[in-house]
PDB file of all heavy atoms in Angstrom:
ATOM      1  N   VAL A   1     103.051  75.760  81.802  1.00  0.00           N
ATOM      2  CA  VAL A   1     102.151  74.802  82.441  1.00  0.00           C
ATOM      3  C   VAL A   1     100.841  74.765  81.667  1.00  0.00           C
ATOM      4  O   VAL A   1     100.036  75.689  81.744  1.00  0.00           O
ATOM      5  CB  VAL A   1     101.891  75.181  83.918  1.00  0.00           C
ATOM      6  CG1 VAL A   1     100.955  74.174  84.557  1.00  0.00           C
ATOM      7  CG2 VAL A   1     103.199  75.242  84.683  1.00  0.00           C
ATOM      8  N   VAL A   2     100.642  73.712  80.892  1.00  0.00           N
ATOM      9  CA  VAL A   2      99.416  73.581  80.112  1.00  0.00           C
ATOM     10  C   VAL A   2      98.240  73.349  81.059  1.00  0.00           C
ATOM     11  O   VAL A   2      98.297  72.496  81.939  1.00  0.00           O
ATOM     12  CB  VAL A   2      99.540  72.415  79.118  1.00  0.00           C
ATOM     13  CG1 VAL A   2      98.245  72.251  78.354  1.00  0.00           C
ATOM     14  CG2 VAL A   2     100.701  72.660  78.166  1.00  0.00           C
ATOM     15  N   GLY A   3      97.177  74.137  80.877  1.00  0.00           N
ATOM     16  CA  GLY A   3      96.009  73.991  81.723  1.00  0.00           C
ATOM     17  C   GLY A   3      96.083  74.765  83.024  1.00  0.00           C
ATOM     18  O   GLY A   3      95.181  74.674  83.848  1.00  0.00           O
ATOM     19  N   SER A   4      97.152  75.519  83.239  1.00  0.00           N
ATOM     20  CA  SER A   4      97.310  76.269  84.477  1.00  0.00           C
ATOM     21  C   SER A   4      96.242  77.350  84.598  1.00  0.00           C
ATOM     22  O   SER A   4      95.885  77.999  83.618  1.00  0.00           O
ATOM     23  CB  SER A   4      98.696  76.906  84.527  1.00  0.00           C
ATOM     24  OG  SER A   4      98.801  77.791  85.613  1.00  0.00           O
ATOM     25  N   THR A   5      95.743  77.544  85.807  1.00  0.00           N
ATOM     26  CA  THR A   5      94.811  78.627  86.076  1.00  0.00           C
ATOM     27  C   THR A   5      95.477  79.760  86.844  1.00  0.00           C
ATOM     28  O   THR A   5      94.862  80.794  87.071  1.00  0.00           O
ATOM     29  CB  THR A   5      93.603  78.118  86.877  1.00  0.00           C
ATOM     30  OG1 THR A   5      94.065  77.599  88.135  1.00  0.00           O
ATOM     31  CG2 THR A   5      92.865  77.037  86.113  1.00  0.00           C
ATOM     32  N   LEU A   6      96.722  79.574  87.263  1.00  0.00           N
ATOM     33  CA  LEU A   6      97.465  80.609  87.970  1.00  0.00           C
ATOM     34  C   LEU A   6      98.389  81.333  87.015  1.00  0.00           C
ATOM     35  O   LEU A   6      98.842  80.763  86.017  1.00  0.00           O
ATOM     36  CB  LEU A   6      98.269  79.989  89.117  1.00  0.00           C
ATOM     37  CG  LEU A   6      97.442  79.431  90.273  1.00  0.00           C
ATOM     38  CD1 LEU A   6      98.339  78.753  91.309  1.00  0.00           C
ATOM     39  CD2 LEU A   6      96.610  80.523  90.942  1.00  0.00           C
ATOM     40  N   PRO A   7      98.695  82.608  87.287  1.00  0.00           N
ATOM     41  CA  PRO A   7      99.546  83.380  86.382  1.00  0.00           C
ATOM     42  C   PRO A   7     100.967  82.813  86.346  1.00  0.00           C
ATOM     43  O   PRO A   7     101.375  82.072  87.236  1.00  0.00           O
ATOM     44  CB  PRO A   7      99.541  84.785  86.998  1.00  0.00           C
ATOM     45  CG  PRO A   7      98.411  84.805  87.960  1.00  0.00           C
ATOM     46  CD  PRO A   7      98.233  83.396  88.434  1.00  0.00           C
ATOM     47  N   PRO A   8     101.726  83.171  85.312  1.00  0.00           N
ATOM     48  CA  PRO A   8     103.140  82.793  85.274  1.00  0.00           C
ATOM     49  C   PRO A   8     103.896  83.475  86.413  1.00  0.00           C
ATOM     50  O   PRO A   8     103.415  84.441  86.994  1.00  0.00           O
ATOM     51  CB  PRO A   8     103.608  83.288  83.910  1.00  0.00           C
ATOM     52  CG  PRO A   8     102.647  84.362  83.547  1.00  0.00           C
ATOM     53  CD  PRO A   8     101.329  83.945  84.130  1.00  0.00           C
ATOM     54  N   PRO A   9     105.089  82.996  86.735  1.00  0.00           N
ATOM     55  CA  PRO A   9     105.847  83.592  87.848  1.00  0.00           C
ATOM     56  C   PRO A   9     106.137  85.067  87.615  1.00  0.00           C
ATOM     57  O   PRO A   9     106.348  85.508  86.482  1.00  0.00           O
ATOM     58  CB  PRO A   9     107.137  82.773  87.879  1.00  0.00           C
ATOM     59  CG  PRO A   9     106.791  81.486  87.210  1.00  0.00           C
ATOM     60  CD  PRO A   9     105.777  81.831  86.158  1.00  0.00           C
ATOM     61  N   SER A  10     106.162  85.814  88.705  1.00  0.00           N
ATOM     62  CA  SER A  10     106.529  87.224  88.676  1.00  0.00           C
ATOM     63  C   SER A  10     107.804  87.412  89.491  1.00  0.00           C
ATOM     64  O   SER A  10     107.873  86.978  90.642  1.00  0.00           O
ATOM     65  CB  SER A  10     105.404  88.086  89.256  1.00  0.00           C
ATOM     66  OG  SER A  10     105.817  89.424  89.409  1.00  0.00           O
ATOM     67  N   VAL A  11     108.809  88.045  88.892  1.00  0.00           N
ATOM     68  CA  VAL A  11     110.102  88.271  89.535  1.00  0.00           C
ATOM     69  C   VAL A  11     110.277  89.765  89.771  1.00  0.00           C
ATOM     70  O   VAL A  11     110.165  90.562  88.833  1.00  0.00           O
ATOM     71  CB  VAL A  11     111.259  87.730  88.679  1.00  0.00           C
ATOM     72  CG1 VAL A  11     112.596  87.952  89.385  1.00  0.00           C
ATOM     73  CG2 VAL A  11     111.053  86.253  88.368  1.00  0.00           C
ATOM     74  N   THR A  12     110.523  90.148  90.988  1.00  0.00           N
ATOM     75  CA  THR A  12     110.681  91.560  91.338  1.00  0.00           C
ATOM     76  C   THR A  12     111.939  91.751  92.178  1.00  0.00           C
ATOM     77  O   THR A  12     112.370  90.842  92.880  1.00  0.00           O
ATOM     78  CB  THR A  12     109.458  92.091  92.114  1.00  0.00           C
ATOM     79  OG1 THR A  12     109.220  91.254  93.254  1.00  0.00           O
ATOM     80  CG2 THR A  12     108.220  92.106  91.247  1.00  0.00           C
ATOM     81  N   ARG A  13     112.505  92.939  92.103  1.00  0.00           N
ATOM     82  CA  ARG A  13     113.710  93.276  92.871  1.00  0.00           C
ATOM     83  C   ARG A  13     113.359  94.346  93.905  1.00  0.00           C
ATOM     84  O   ARG A  13     112.606  95.280  93.620  1.00  0.00           O
ATOM     85  CB  ARG A  13     114.807  93.780  91.936  1.00  0.00           C
ATOM     86  CG  ARG A  13     115.208  92.766  90.859  1.00  0.00           C
ATOM     87  CD  ARG A  13     116.232  91.773  91.372  1.00  0.00           C
ATOM     88  NE  ARG A  13     116.407  90.667  90.430  1.00  0.00           N
ATOM     89  CZ  ARG A  13     117.146  90.711  89.321  1.00  0.00           C
ATOM     90  NH1 ARG A  13     117.744  91.840  88.983  1.00  0.00           N
ATOM     91  NH2 ARG A  13     117.264  89.646  88.557  1.00  0.00           N
ATOM     92  N   HIS A  14     113.968  94.216  95.076  1.00  0.00           N
ATOM     93  CA  HIS A  14     113.609  95.093  96.194  1.00  0.00           C
ATOM     94  C   HIS A  14     114.835  95.454  97.022  1.00  0.00           C
ATOM     95  O   HIS A  14     115.816  94.715  97.039  1.00  0.00           O
ATOM     96  CB  HIS A  14     112.584  94.409  97.105  1.00  0.00           C
ATOM     97  CG  HIS A  14     111.381  93.893  96.392  1.00  0.00           C
ATOM     98  ND1 HIS A  14     110.207  94.606  96.286  1.00  0.00           N
ATOM     99  CD2 HIS A  14     111.163  92.722  95.718  1.00  0.00           C
ATOM    100  CE1 HIS A  14     109.317  93.901  95.605  1.00  0.00           C
ATOM    101  NE2 HIS A  14     109.877  92.760  95.245  1.00  0.00           N
ATOM    102  N   THR A  15     114.716  96.575  97.714  1.00  0.00           N
ATOM    103  CA  THR A  15     115.689  96.978  98.735  1.00  0.00           C
ATOM    104  C   THR A  15     114.916  97.372  99.975  1.00  0.00           C
ATOM    105  O   THR A  15     113.903  98.081  99.886  1.00  0.00           O
ATOM    106  CB  THR A  15     116.549  98.161  98.263  1.00  0.00           C
ATOM    107  OG1 THR A  15     117.274  97.778  97.092  1.00  0.00           O
ATOM    108  CG2 THR A  15     117.534  98.572  99.349  1.00  0.00           C
ATOM    109  N   ILE A  16     115.380  96.889 101.129  1.00  0.00           N
ATOM    110  CA  ILE A  16     114.714  97.217 102.373  1.00  0.00           C
ATOM    111  C   ILE A  16     115.747  97.694 103.383  1.00  0.00           C
ATOM    112  O   ILE A  16     116.837  97.116 103.501  1.00  0.00           O
ATOM    113  CB  ILE A  16     113.918  96.003 102.920  1.00  0.00           C
ATOM    114  CG1 ILE A  16     112.994  96.428 104.052  1.00  0.00           C
ATOM    115  CG2 ILE A  16     114.836  94.857 103.336  1.00  0.00           C
ATOM    116  CD1 ILE A  16     111.959  95.374 104.399  1.00  0.00           C
ATOM    117  N   ASP A  17     115.443  98.809 104.054  1.00  0.00           N
ATOM    118  CA  ASP A  17     116.340  99.387 105.049  1.00  0.00           C
ATOM    119  C   ASP A  17     115.956  98.900 106.436  1.00  0.00           C
ATOM    120  O   ASP A  17     114.810  99.059 106.873  1.00  0.00           O
ATOM    121  CB  ASP A  17     116.282 100.915 104.995  1.00  0.00           C
ATOM    122  CG  ASP A  17     116.816 101.470 103.674  1.00  0.00           C
ATOM    123  OD1 ASP A  17     117.819 100.921 103.173  1.00  0.00           O
ATOM    124  OD2 ASP A  17     116.237 102.444 103.155  1.00  0.00           O
ATOM    125  N   LEU A  18     116.933  98.324 107.126  1.00  0.00           N
ATOM    126  CA  LEU A  18     116.733  97.768 108.457  1.00  0.00           C
ATOM    127  C   LEU A  18     117.767  98.366 109.400  1.00  0.00           C
ATOM    128  O   LEU A  18     118.745  98.970 108.947  1.00  0.00           O
ATOM    129  CB  LEU A  18     116.869  96.242 108.415  1.00  0.00           C
ATOM    130  CG  LEU A  18     115.900  95.504 107.481  1.00  0.00           C
ATOM    131  CD1 LEU A  18     116.307  94.049 107.329  1.00  0.00           C
ATOM    132  CD2 LEU A  18     114.480  95.615 108.018  1.00  0.00           C
ATOM    133  N   PRO A  19     117.589  98.236 110.707  1.00  0.00           N
ATOM    134  CA  PRO A  19     118.572  98.788 111.640  1.00  0.00           C
ATOM    135  C   PRO A  19     119.982  98.266 111.379  1.00  0.00           C
ATOM    136  O   PRO A  19     120.230  97.063 111.432  1.00  0.00           O
ATOM    137  CB  PRO A  19     118.055  98.303 113.004  1.00  0.00           C
ATOM    138  CG  PRO A  19     116.583  98.136 112.808  1.00  0.00           C
ATOM    139  CD  PRO A  19     116.441  97.638 111.401  1.00  0.00           C
ATOM    140  N   GLY A  20     120.889  99.164 111.010  1.00  0.00           N
ATOM    141  CA  GLY A  20     122.280  98.799 110.818  1.00  0.00           C
ATOM    142  C   GLY A  20     122.604  98.139 109.501  1.00  0.00           C
ATOM    143  O   GLY A  20     123.765  97.757 109.267  1.00  0.00           O
ATOM    144  N   ARG A  21     121.625  97.990 108.589  1.00  0.00           N
ATOM    145  CA  ARG A  21     121.908  97.314 107.341  1.00  0.00           C
ATOM    146  C   ARG A  21     120.792  97.565 106.331  1.00  0.00           C
ATOM    147  O   ARG A  21     119.671  97.918 106.708  1.00  0.00           O
ATOM    148  CB  ARG A  21     122.064  95.813 107.533  1.00  0.00           C
ATOM    149  CG  ARG A  21     120.740  95.090 107.856  1.00  0.00           C
ATOM    150  CD  ARG A  21     120.953  93.998 108.859  1.00  0.00           C
ATOM    151  NE  ARG A  21     119.830  93.056 108.918  1.00  0.00           N
ATOM    152  CZ  ARG A  21     118.851  93.141 109.815  1.00  0.00           C
ATOM    153  NH1 ARG A  21     118.829  94.142 110.693  1.00  0.00           N
ATOM    154  NH2 ARG A  21     117.908  92.222 109.840  1.00  0.00           N
ATOM    155  N   SER A  22     121.131  97.374 105.057  1.00  0.00           N
ATOM    156  CA  SER A  22     120.141  97.366 103.988  1.00  0.00           C
ATOM    157  C   SER A  22     120.267  96.037 103.255  1.00  0.00           C
ATOM    158  O   SER A  22     121.377  95.544 103.044  1.00  0.00           O
ATOM    159  CB  SER A  22     120.373  98.520 103.010  1.00  0.00           C
ATOM    160  OG  SER A  22     120.113  99.768 103.627  1.00  0.00           O
ATOM    161  N   LEU A  23     119.131  95.468 102.877  1.00  0.00           N
ATOM    162  CA  LEU A  23     119.118  94.206 102.163  1.00  0.00           C
ATOM    163  C   LEU A  23     118.539  94.409 100.777  1.00  0.00           C
ATOM    164  O   LEU A  23     117.473  95.007 100.624  1.00  0.00           O
ATOM    165  CB  LEU A  23     118.282  93.160 102.922  1.00  0.00           C
ATOM    166  CG  LEU A  23     118.721  92.777 104.327  1.00  0.00           C
ATOM    167  CD1 LEU A  23     117.780  91.717 104.903  1.00  0.00           C
ATOM    168  CD2 LEU A  23     120.158  92.284 104.350  1.00  0.00           C
ATOM    169  N   ARG A  24     119.244  93.909  99.773  1.00  0.00           N
ATOM    170  CA  ARG A  24     118.721  93.870  98.412  1.00  0.00           C
ATOM    171  C   ARG A  24     118.395  92.417  98.098  1.00  0.00           C
ATOM    172  O   ARG A  24     119.216  91.524  98.312  1.00  0.00           O
ATOM    173  CB  ARG A  24     119.739  94.417  97.418  1.00  0.00           C
ATOM    174  CG  ARG A  24     120.051  95.893  97.608  1.00  0.00           C
ATOM    175  CD  ARG A  24     120.764  96.464  96.407  1.00  0.00           C
ATOM    176  NE  ARG A  24     121.911  95.641  96.012  1.00  0.00           N
ATOM    177  CZ  ARG A  24     122.531  95.763  94.850  1.00  0.00           C
ATOM    178  NH1 ARG A  24     122.098  96.629  93.954  1.00  0.00           N
ATOM    179  NH2 ARG A  24     123.583  95.003  94.570  1.00  0.00           N
ATOM    180  N   TYR A  25     117.200  92.210  97.561  1.00  0.00           N
ATOM    181  CA  TYR A  25     116.789  90.829  97.340  1.00  0.00           C
ATOM    182  C   TYR A  25     115.874  90.718  96.128  1.00  0.00           C
ATOM    183  O   TYR A  25     115.280  91.697  95.672  1.00  0.00           O
ATOM    184  CB  TYR A  25     116.089  90.258  98.578  1.00  0.00           C
ATOM    185  CG  TYR A  25     114.834  90.990  99.007  1.00  0.00           C
ATOM    186  CD1 TYR A  25     113.574  90.598  98.551  1.00  0.00           C
ATOM    187  CD2 TYR A  25     114.889  92.074  99.890  1.00  0.00           C
ATOM    188  CE1 TYR A  25     112.418  91.256  98.945  1.00  0.00           C
ATOM    189  CE2 TYR A  25     113.745  92.744 100.296  1.00  0.00           C
ATOM    190  CZ  TYR A  25     112.517  92.330  99.818  1.00  0.00           C
ATOM    191  OH  TYR A  25     111.370  92.993 100.214  1.00  0.00           O
ATOM    192  N   THR A  26     115.802  89.497  95.608  1.00  0.00           N
ATOM    193  CA  THR A  26     114.909  89.169  94.502  1.00  0.00           C
ATOM    194  C   THR A  26     113.762  88.326  95.041  1.00  0.00           C
ATOM    195  O   THR A  26     113.995  87.352  95.765  1.00  0.00           O
ATOM    196  CB  THR A  26     115.660  88.384  93.414  1.00  0.00           C
ATOM    197  OG1 THR A  26     116.706  89.209  92.888  1.00  0.00           O
ATOM    198  CG2 THR A  26     114.714  87.990  92.284  1.00  0.00           C
ATOM    199  N   ALA A  27     112.549  88.712  94.702  1.00  0.00           N
ATOM    200  CA  ALA A  27     111.360  87.966  95.133  1.00  0.00           C
ATOM    201  C   ALA A  27     110.701  87.337  93.914  1.00  0.00           C
ATOM    202  O   ALA A  27     110.642  87.954  92.839  1.00  0.00           O
ATOM    203  CB  ALA A  27     110.370  88.888  95.841  1.00  0.00           C
ATOM    204  N   THR A  28     110.233  86.111  94.083  1.00  0.00           N
ATOM    205  CA  THR A  28     109.509  85.419  93.024  1.00  0.00           C
ATOM    206  C   THR A  28     108.214  84.865  93.585  1.00  0.00           C
ATOM    207  O   THR A  28     108.229  84.153  94.590  1.00  0.00           O
ATOM    208  CB  THR A  28     110.338  84.263  92.436  1.00  0.00           C
ATOM    209  OG1 THR A  28     111.574  84.774  91.965  1.00  0.00           O
ATOM    210  CG2 THR A  28     109.594  83.589  91.286  1.00  0.00           C
ATOM    211  N   ALA A  29     107.106  85.212  92.947  1.00  0.00           N
ATOM    212  CA  ALA A  29     105.807  84.626  93.288  1.00  0.00           C
ATOM    213  C   ALA A  29     105.349  83.796  92.102  1.00  0.00           C
ATOM    214  O   ALA A  29     105.355  84.263  90.969  1.00  0.00           O
ATOM    215  CB  ALA A  29     104.788  85.719  93.606  1.00  0.00           C
ATOM    216  N   GLY A  30     104.982  82.565  92.363  1.00  0.00           N
ATOM    217  CA  GLY A  30     104.570  81.695  91.271  1.00  0.00           C
ATOM    218  C   GLY A  30     103.976  80.406  91.790  1.00  0.00           C
ATOM    219  O   GLY A  30     103.531  80.331  92.944  1.00  0.00           O
ATOM    220  N   ALA A  31     103.972  79.389  90.959  1.00  0.00           N
ATOM    221  CA  ALA A  31     103.397  78.099  91.337  1.00  0.00           C
ATOM    222  C   ALA A  31     104.100  76.989  90.573  1.00  0.00           C
ATOM    223  O   ALA A  31     104.605  77.204  89.462  1.00  0.00           O
ATOM    224  CB  ALA A  31     101.896  78.062  91.057  1.00  0.00           C
ATOM    225  N   LEU A  32     104.144  75.814  91.174  1.00  0.00           N
ATOM    226  CA  LEU A  32     104.628  74.604  90.513  1.00  0.00           C
ATOM    227  C   LEU A  32     103.460  73.636  90.356  1.00  0.00           C
ATOM    228  O   LEU A  32     102.608  73.551  91.249  1.00  0.00           O
ATOM    229  CB  LEU A  32     105.744  73.938  91.319  1.00  0.00           C
ATOM    230  CG  LEU A  32     107.095  74.652  91.384  1.00  0.00           C
ATOM    231  CD1 LEU A  32     108.088  73.817  92.173  1.00  0.00           C
ATOM    232  CD2 LEU A  32     107.635  74.943  89.998  1.00  0.00           C
ATOM    233  N   PRO A  33     103.419  72.909  89.241  1.00  0.00           N
ATOM    234  CA  PRO A  33     102.295  72.000  89.004  1.00  0.00           C
ATOM    235  C   PRO A  33     102.464  70.672  89.724  1.00  0.00           C
ATOM    236  O   PRO A  33     103.567  70.181  89.929  1.00  0.00           O
ATOM    237  CB  PRO A  33     102.339  71.789  87.488  1.00  0.00           C
ATOM    238  CG  PRO A  33     103.797  71.926  87.147  1.00  0.00           C
ATOM    239  CD  PRO A  33     104.342  72.963  88.095  1.00  0.00           C
ATOM    240  N   VAL A  34     101.351  70.085  90.076  1.00  0.00           N
ATOM    241  CA  VAL A  34     101.289  68.718  90.591  1.00  0.00           C
ATOM    242  C   VAL A  34     100.649  67.871  89.504  1.00  0.00           C
ATOM    243  O   VAL A  34      99.523  68.139  89.090  1.00  0.00           O
ATOM    244  CB  VAL A  34     100.449  68.635  91.879  1.00  0.00           C
ATOM    245  CG1 VAL A  34     100.408  67.202  92.401  1.00  0.00           C
ATOM    246  CG2 VAL A  34     101.000  69.576  92.944  1.00  0.00           C
ATOM    247  N   ARG A  35     101.355  66.855  89.021  1.00  0.00           N
ATOM    248  CA  ARG A  35     100.850  66.022  87.927  1.00  0.00           C
ATOM    249  C   ARG A  35     100.896  64.554  88.322  1.00  0.00           C
ATOM    250  O   ARG A  35     101.674  64.149  89.194  1.00  0.00           O
ATOM    251  CB  ARG A  35     101.704  66.218  86.675  1.00  0.00           C
ATOM    252  CG  ARG A  35     101.705  67.636  86.133  1.00  0.00           C
ATOM    253  CD  ARG A  35     102.453  67.683  84.811  1.00  0.00           C
ATOM    254  NE  ARG A  35     102.575  69.032  84.305  1.00  0.00           N
ATOM    255  CZ  ARG A  35     101.627  69.678  83.627  1.00  0.00           C
ATOM    256  NH1 ARG A  35     100.484  69.077  83.396  1.00  0.00           N
ATOM    257  NH2 ARG A  35     101.823  70.903  83.201  1.00  0.00           N
ATOM    258  N   ASP A  36     100.088  63.769  87.669  1.00  0.00           N
ATOM    259  CA  ASP A  36     100.206  62.318  87.824  1.00  0.00           C
ATOM    260  C   ASP A  36     101.205  61.805  86.778  1.00  0.00           C
ATOM    261  O   ASP A  36     101.776  62.569  86.001  1.00  0.00           O
ATOM    262  CB  ASP A  36      98.852  61.625  87.724  1.00  0.00           C
ATOM    263  CG  ASP A  36      98.178  61.796  86.367  1.00  0.00           C
ATOM    264  OD1 ASP A  36      98.874  62.214  85.403  1.00  0.00           O
ATOM    265  OD2 ASP A  36      96.980  61.510  86.263  1.00  0.00           O
ATOM    266  N   GLN A  37     101.426  60.495  86.753  1.00  0.00           N
ATOM    267  CA  GLN A  37     102.452  59.946  85.881  1.00  0.00           C
ATOM    268  C   GLN A  37     102.120  60.087  84.401  1.00  0.00           C
ATOM    269  O   GLN A  37     103.006  60.031  83.550  1.00  0.00           O
ATOM    270  CB  GLN A  37     102.681  58.471  86.224  1.00  0.00           C
ATOM    271  CG  GLN A  37     103.393  58.281  87.556  1.00  0.00           C
ATOM    272  CD  GLN A  37     103.657  56.817  87.862  1.00  0.00           C
ATOM    273  OE1 GLN A  37     102.845  55.965  87.544  1.00  0.00           O
ATOM    274  NE2 GLN A  37     104.789  56.538  88.482  1.00  0.00           N
ATOM    275  N   SER A  38     100.856  60.297  84.091  1.00  0.00           N
ATOM    276  CA  SER A  38     100.476  60.483  82.694  1.00  0.00           C
ATOM    277  C   SER A  38     100.647  61.923  82.237  1.00  0.00           C
ATOM    278  O   SER A  38     100.454  62.231  81.062  1.00  0.00           O
ATOM    279  CB  SER A  38      99.017  60.052  82.488  1.00  0.00           C
ATOM    280  OG  SER A  38      98.133  60.962  83.145  1.00  0.00           O
ATOM    281  N   GLY A  39     101.007  62.809  83.165  1.00  0.00           N
ATOM    282  CA  GLY A  39     101.170  64.213  82.838  1.00  0.00           C
ATOM    283  C   GLY A  39      99.941  65.052  83.080  1.00  0.00           C
ATOM    284  O   GLY A  39      99.946  66.261  82.837  1.00  0.00           O
ATOM    285  N   ARG A  40      98.867  64.440  83.542  1.00  0.00           N
ATOM    286  CA  ARG A  40      97.622  65.185  83.798  1.00  0.00           C
ATOM    287  C   ARG A  40      97.815  66.135  84.980  1.00  0.00           C
ATOM    288  O   ARG A  40      98.310  65.750  86.040  1.00  0.00           O
ATOM    289  CB  ARG A  40      96.499  64.200  84.096  1.00  0.00           C
ATOM    290  CG  ARG A  40      95.133  64.847  84.338  1.00  0.00           C
ATOM    291  CD  ARG A  40      94.054  63.796  84.473  1.00  0.00           C
ATOM    292  NE  ARG A  40      94.303  62.880  85.555  1.00  0.00           N
ATOM    293  CZ  ARG A  40      93.512  62.727  86.621  1.00  0.00           C
ATOM    294  NH1 ARG A  40      92.399  63.439  86.717  1.00  0.00           N
ATOM    295  NH2 ARG A  40      93.789  61.855  87.551  1.00  0.00           N
ATOM    296  N   LEU A  41      97.419  67.394  84.789  1.00  0.00           N
ATOM    297  CA  LEU A  41      97.538  68.390  85.848  1.00  0.00           C
ATOM    298  C   LEU A  41      96.511  68.116  86.935  1.00  0.00           C
ATOM    299  O   LEU A  41      95.312  68.065  86.670  1.00  0.00           O
ATOM    300  CB  LEU A  41      97.332  69.800  85.277  1.00  0.00           C
ATOM    301  CG  LEU A  41      97.463  70.942  86.283  1.00  0.00           C
ATOM    302  CD1 LEU A  41      98.887  71.059  86.805  1.00  0.00           C
ATOM    303  CD2 LEU A  41      97.016  72.265  85.648  1.00  0.00           C
ATOM    304  N   LEU A  42      96.980  67.933  88.166  1.00  0.00           N
ATOM    305  CA  LEU A  42      96.096  67.681  89.295  1.00  0.00           C
ATOM    306  C   LEU A  42      95.869  68.932  90.136  1.00  0.00           C
ATOM    307  O   LEU A  42      94.767  69.167  90.614  1.00  0.00           O
ATOM    308  CB  LEU A  42      96.692  66.581  90.189  1.00  0.00           C
ATOM    309  CG  LEU A  42      96.964  65.239  89.528  1.00  0.00           C
ATOM    310  CD1 LEU A  42      97.630  64.305  90.515  1.00  0.00           C
ATOM    311  CD2 LEU A  42      95.678  64.641  88.989  1.00  0.00           C
ATOM    312  N   ALA A  43      96.923  69.710  90.316  1.00  0.00           N
ATOM    313  CA  ALA A  43      96.835  70.879  91.194  1.00  0.00           C
ATOM    314  C   ALA A  43      98.039  71.767  90.953  1.00  0.00           C
ATOM    315  O   ALA A  43      98.979  71.396  90.230  1.00  0.00           O
ATOM    316  CB  ALA A  43      96.768  70.445  92.655  1.00  0.00           C
ATOM    317  N   GLU A  44      98.019  72.944  91.563  1.00  0.00           N
ATOM    318  CA  GLU A  44      99.149  73.869  91.519  1.00  0.00           C
ATOM    319  C   GLU A  44      99.452  74.346  92.934  1.00  0.00           C
ATOM    320  O   GLU A  44      98.551  74.722  93.678  1.00  0.00           O
ATOM    321  CB  GLU A  44      98.835  75.061  90.622  1.00  0.00           C
ATOM    322  CG  GLU A  44      98.624  74.691  89.159  1.00  0.00           C
ATOM    323  CD  GLU A  44      98.142  75.879  88.350  1.00  0.00           C
ATOM    324  OE1 GLU A  44      96.926  76.126  88.329  1.00  0.00           O
ATOM    325  OE2 GLU A  44      99.002  76.562  87.753  1.00  0.00           O
ATOM    326  N   ILE A  45     100.728  74.295  93.295  1.00  0.00           N
ATOM    327  CA  ILE A  45     101.170  74.731  94.608  1.00  0.00           C
ATOM    328  C   ILE A  45     101.854  76.084  94.469  1.00  0.00           C
ATOM    329  O   ILE A  45     102.892  76.209  93.800  1.00  0.00           O
ATOM    330  CB  ILE A  45     102.123  73.708  95.249  1.00  0.00           C
ATOM    331  CG1 ILE A  45     101.369  72.401  95.538  1.00  0.00           C
ATOM    332  CG2 ILE A  45     102.738  74.260  96.528  1.00  0.00           C
ATOM    333  CD1 ILE A  45     102.229  71.319  96.170  1.00  0.00           C
ATOM    334  N   ALA A  46     101.269  77.100  95.085  1.00  0.00           N
ATOM    335  CA  ALA A  46     101.812  78.460  95.012  1.00  0.00           C
ATOM    336  C   ALA A  46     102.920  78.644  96.046  1.00  0.00           C
ATOM    337  O   ALA A  46     102.933  78.004  97.097  1.00  0.00           O
ATOM    338  CB  ALA A  46     100.694  79.486  95.240  1.00  0.00           C
ATOM    339  N   TYR A  47     103.835  79.546  95.732  1.00  0.00           N
ATOM    340  CA  TYR A  47     104.953  79.819  96.630  1.00  0.00           C
ATOM    341  C   TYR A  47     105.409  81.262  96.448  1.00  0.00           C
ATOM    342  O   TYR A  47     105.133  81.916  95.437  1.00  0.00           O
ATOM    343  CB  TYR A  47     106.128  78.871  96.344  1.00  0.00           C
ATOM    344  CG  TYR A  47     106.764  79.107  94.992  1.00  0.00           C
ATOM    345  CD1 TYR A  47     107.829  79.997  94.840  1.00  0.00           C
ATOM    346  CD2 TYR A  47     106.274  78.471  93.853  1.00  0.00           C
ATOM    347  CE1 TYR A  47     108.382  80.233  93.598  1.00  0.00           C
ATOM    348  CE2 TYR A  47     106.825  78.703  92.602  1.00  0.00           C
ATOM    349  CZ  TYR A  47     107.885  79.591  92.490  1.00  0.00           C
ATOM    350  OH  TYR A  47     108.427  79.845  91.254  1.00  0.00           O
ATOM    351  N   VAL A  48     106.135  81.758  97.436  1.00  0.00           N
ATOM    352  CA  VAL A  48     106.869  83.019  97.334  1.00  0.00           C
ATOM    353  C   VAL A  48     108.289  82.738  97.791  1.00  0.00           C
ATOM    354  O   VAL A  48     108.500  82.190  98.878  1.00  0.00           O
ATOM    355  CB  VAL A  48     106.249  84.140  98.190  1.00  0.00           C
ATOM    356  CG1 VAL A  48     107.116  85.397  98.127  1.00  0.00           C
ATOM    357  CG2 VAL A  48     104.832  84.444  97.735  1.00  0.00           C
TER     358      VAL A  48
END
């Protein structure tokens, strides 16, 4: 993302123990850019 002010995505792996089960999962924290039709960066929407 040219002009981005947020870091690149981070991918992490986790295991969590819950009653009667364990869950293994992949977490991703990052952002997607919002652009106009000319490609100009308007904003970034963060997500997990």
